[in-house]
Amino acid sequence: MSIEQARAAIAEAERVGFDLSLVDCNLAVTPEERCLRHAAALEFALALRAAGEKLYARPAPVVTAAG
């Protein structure tokens, strides 16, 4: 890819709404820091999932004998 093609691709991405500042922000930190941030985000997402499962959990139906 040439420089001109890369610039055109970046311009098109910005035109359709991609926030490339997030990419720049991530590239400004070390790979180790990116891994740590990812791990923290994953831990948070899993905690949210667990909280949602706990909140919306339904008790098992009670089975009674017919008679």
N, C-alpha and C. Protein backbone atom coordinates (compact mmCIF):
# COMPACT_ATOMS: atom_id res chain seq x y z
N MET A 1 0.85 -1.17 0.00
CA MET A 1 0.00 0.00 0.00
C MET A 1 0.90 1.24 0.00
N SER A 2 0.59 2.16 -0.86
CA SER A 2 1.38 3.39 -0.94
C SER A 2 0.92 4.36 0.15
N ILE A 3 1.72 5.40 0.35
CA ILE A 3 1.37 6.44 1.32
C ILE A 3 0.04 7.09 0.93
N GLU A 4 -0.14 7.34 -0.36
CA GLU A 4 -1.38 7.97 -0.83
C GLU A 4 -2.59 7.08 -0.55
N GLN A 5 -2.42 5.77 -0.78
CA GLN A 5 -3.52 4.84 -0.51
C GLN A 5 -3.83 4.78 0.98
N ALA A 6 -2.79 4.79 1.80
CA ALA A 6 -3.00 4.76 3.25
C ALA A 6 -3.73 6.01 3.70
N ARG A 7 -3.31 7.17 3.19
CA ARG A 7 -3.99 8.42 3.56
C ARG A 7 -5.45 8.40 3.11
N ALA A 8 -5.71 7.87 1.92
CA ALA A 8 -7.08 7.79 1.43
C ALA A 8 -7.91 6.85 2.30
N ALA A 9 -7.33 5.74 2.73
CA ALA A 9 -8.04 4.79 3.60
C ALA A 9 -8.35 5.43 4.95
N ILE A 10 -7.40 6.17 5.50
CA ILE A 10 -7.63 6.85 6.78
C ILE A 10 -8.73 7.89 6.63
N ALA A 11 -8.68 8.66 5.56
CA ALA A 11 -9.70 9.68 5.32
C ALA A 11 -11.08 9.04 5.18
N GLU A 12 -11.16 7.92 4.48
CA GLU A 12 -12.45 7.23 4.31
C GLU A 12 -12.95 6.69 5.64
N ALA A 13 -12.06 6.13 6.46
CA ALA A 13 -12.46 5.61 7.78
C ALA A 13 -13.01 6.74 8.64
N GLU A 14 -12.35 7.89 8.63
CA GLU A 14 -12.84 9.03 9.40
C GLU A 14 -14.17 9.53 8.86
N ARG A 15 -14.31 9.52 7.54
CA ARG A 15 -15.55 10.00 6.91
C ARG A 15 -16.76 9.17 7.34
N VAL A 16 -16.57 7.85 7.48
CA VAL A 16 -17.69 6.99 7.85
C VAL A 16 -17.87 6.84 9.35
N GLY A 17 -16.99 7.52 10.14
CA GLY A 17 -17.25 7.58 11.57
C GLY A 17 -16.30 6.82 12.47
N PHE A 18 -15.25 6.23 11.95
CA PHE A 18 -14.29 5.56 12.81
C PHE A 18 -13.52 6.59 13.62
N ASP A 19 -13.38 6.35 14.92
CA ASP A 19 -12.62 7.24 15.80
C ASP A 19 -11.18 6.74 15.85
N LEU A 20 -10.35 7.25 14.98
CA LEU A 20 -8.97 6.79 14.89
C LEU A 20 -8.11 7.31 16.02
N SER A 21 -8.62 8.25 16.82
CA SER A 21 -7.85 8.73 17.97
C SER A 21 -7.66 7.61 18.98
N LEU A 22 -8.59 6.66 19.02
CA LEU A 22 -8.45 5.52 19.92
C LEU A 22 -7.28 4.64 19.51
N VAL A 23 -7.08 4.49 18.22
CA VAL A 23 -5.94 3.73 17.72
C VAL A 23 -4.65 4.44 18.08
N ASP A 24 -4.61 5.75 17.86
CA ASP A 24 -3.43 6.54 18.21
C ASP A 24 -3.12 6.44 19.69
N CYS A 25 -4.16 6.50 20.51
CA CYS A 25 -3.99 6.41 21.97
C CYS A 25 -3.39 5.06 22.36
N ASN A 26 -3.89 3.99 21.76
CA ASN A 26 -3.38 2.65 22.08
C ASN A 26 -1.95 2.46 21.60
N LEU A 27 -1.61 3.04 20.47
CA LEU A 27 -0.26 2.90 19.94
C LEU A 27 0.75 3.74 20.73
N ALA A 28 0.25 4.66 21.55
CA ALA A 28 1.14 5.51 22.34
C ALA A 28 1.64 4.81 23.61
N VAL A 29 1.04 3.67 23.95
CA VAL A 29 1.47 2.94 25.15
C VAL A 29 2.19 1.65 24.74
N THR A 30 2.89 1.07 25.69
CA THR A 30 3.66 -0.14 25.40
C THR A 30 2.72 -1.33 25.20
N PRO A 31 3.18 -2.36 24.52
CA PRO A 31 2.37 -3.57 24.38
C PRO A 31 1.97 -4.15 25.75
N GLU A 32 2.88 -4.08 26.71
CA GLU A 32 2.56 -4.58 28.06
C GLU A 32 1.39 -3.80 28.65
N GLU A 33 1.40 -2.47 28.51
CA GLU A 33 0.31 -1.65 29.04
C GLU A 33 -1.00 -1.97 28.32
N ARG A 34 -0.94 -2.21 27.01
CA ARG A 34 -2.16 -2.58 26.28
C ARG A 34 -2.71 -3.91 26.80
N CYS A 35 -1.83 -4.86 27.09
CA CYS A 35 -2.28 -6.15 27.65
C CYS A 35 -2.91 -5.96 29.02
N LEU A 36 -2.31 -5.12 29.84
CA LEU A 36 -2.87 -4.86 31.17
C LEU A 36 -4.24 -4.19 31.07
N ARG A 37 -4.37 -3.25 30.16
CA ARG A 37 -5.67 -2.59 29.96
C ARG A 37 -6.71 -3.58 29.46
N HIS A 38 -6.30 -4.45 28.55
CA HIS A 38 -7.22 -5.46 28.03
C HIS A 38 -7.67 -6.40 29.15
N ALA A 39 -6.73 -6.84 29.97
CA ALA A 39 -7.06 -7.74 31.08
C ALA A 39 -8.03 -7.07 32.05
N ALA A 40 -7.81 -5.79 32.33
CA ALA A 40 -8.71 -5.07 33.24
C ALA A 40 -10.10 -4.94 32.63
N ALA A 41 -10.18 -4.66 31.33
CA ALA A 41 -11.48 -4.54 30.67
C ALA A 41 -12.20 -5.89 30.65
N LEU A 42 -11.46 -6.96 30.41
CA LEU A 42 -12.05 -8.29 30.41
C LEU A 42 -12.57 -8.65 31.79
N GLU A 43 -11.79 -8.36 32.82
CA GLU A 43 -12.22 -8.63 34.19
C GLU A 43 -13.51 -7.86 34.51
N PHE A 44 -13.58 -6.61 34.08
CA PHE A 44 -14.78 -5.80 34.30
C PHE A 44 -15.98 -6.38 33.56
N ALA A 45 -15.78 -6.78 32.30
CA ALA A 45 -16.88 -7.36 31.52
C ALA A 45 -17.39 -8.65 32.15
N LEU A 46 -16.48 -9.48 32.64
CA LEU A 46 -16.90 -10.73 33.28
C LEU A 46 -17.64 -10.45 34.59
N ALA A 47 -17.23 -9.43 35.32
CA ALA A 47 -17.93 -9.05 36.55
C ALA A 47 -19.33 -8.55 36.23
N LEU A 48 -19.48 -7.77 35.16
CA LEU A 48 -20.80 -7.31 34.75
C LEU A 48 -21.69 -8.48 34.35
N ARG A 49 -21.12 -9.43 33.63
CA ARG A 49 -21.90 -10.61 33.24
C ARG A 49 -22.37 -11.37 34.47
N ALA A 50 -21.47 -11.59 35.41
CA ALA A 50 -21.82 -12.32 36.63
C ALA A 50 -22.91 -11.58 37.41
N ALA A 51 -22.81 -10.26 37.49
CA ALA A 51 -23.82 -9.47 38.20
C ALA A 51 -25.17 -9.59 37.50
N GLY A 52 -25.15 -9.54 36.17
CA GLY A 52 -26.40 -9.68 35.43
C GLY A 52 -27.02 -11.06 35.60
N GLU A 53 -26.19 -12.09 35.57
CA GLU A 53 -26.71 -13.44 35.77
C GLU A 53 -27.29 -13.60 37.17
N LYS A 54 -26.65 -13.01 38.16
CA LYS A 54 -27.15 -13.08 39.53
C LYS A 54 -28.47 -12.32 39.66
N LEU A 55 -28.53 -11.14 39.05
CA LEU A 55 -29.73 -10.30 39.14
C LEU A 55 -30.92 -10.96 38.46
N TYR A 56 -30.68 -11.56 37.30
CA TYR A 56 -31.79 -12.10 36.52
C TYR A 56 -31.98 -13.61 36.68
N ALA A 57 -31.26 -14.21 37.59
CA ALA A 57 -31.40 -15.65 37.83
C ALA A 57 -32.82 -15.95 38.35
N ARG A 58 -33.35 -17.02 37.88
CA ARG A 58 -34.70 -17.42 38.33
C ARG A 58 -34.57 -18.73 39.11
N PRO A 59 -35.27 -18.83 40.18
CA PRO A 59 -35.22 -20.08 40.94
C PRO A 59 -35.78 -21.24 40.10
N ALA A 60 -35.28 -22.42 40.36
CA ALA A 60 -35.77 -23.60 39.66
C ALA A 60 -37.23 -23.83 40.02
N PRO A 61 -38.02 -24.27 39.04
CA PRO A 61 -39.44 -24.52 39.34
C PRO A 61 -39.60 -25.65 40.34
N VAL A 62 -40.61 -25.51 41.16
CA VAL A 62 -40.89 -26.54 42.18
C VAL A 62 -41.74 -27.63 41.56
N VAL A 63 -41.28 -28.86 41.69
CA VAL A 63 -42.01 -30.00 41.14
C VAL A 63 -42.81 -30.64 42.27
N THR A 64 -44.12 -30.80 42.05
CA THR A 64 -44.96 -31.43 43.06
C THR A 64 -45.53 -32.72 42.52
N ALA A 65 -45.83 -33.63 43.43
CA ALA A 65 -46.41 -34.91 43.02
C ALA A 65 -47.89 -34.71 42.77
N ALA A 66 -48.38 -35.25 41.68
CA ALA A 66 -49.81 -35.15 41.36
C ALA A 66 -50.56 -36.17 42.22
N GLY A 67 -51.71 -35.77 42.70
CA GLY A 67 -52.42 -36.79 43.43
C GLY A 67 -53.50 -36.30 44.19
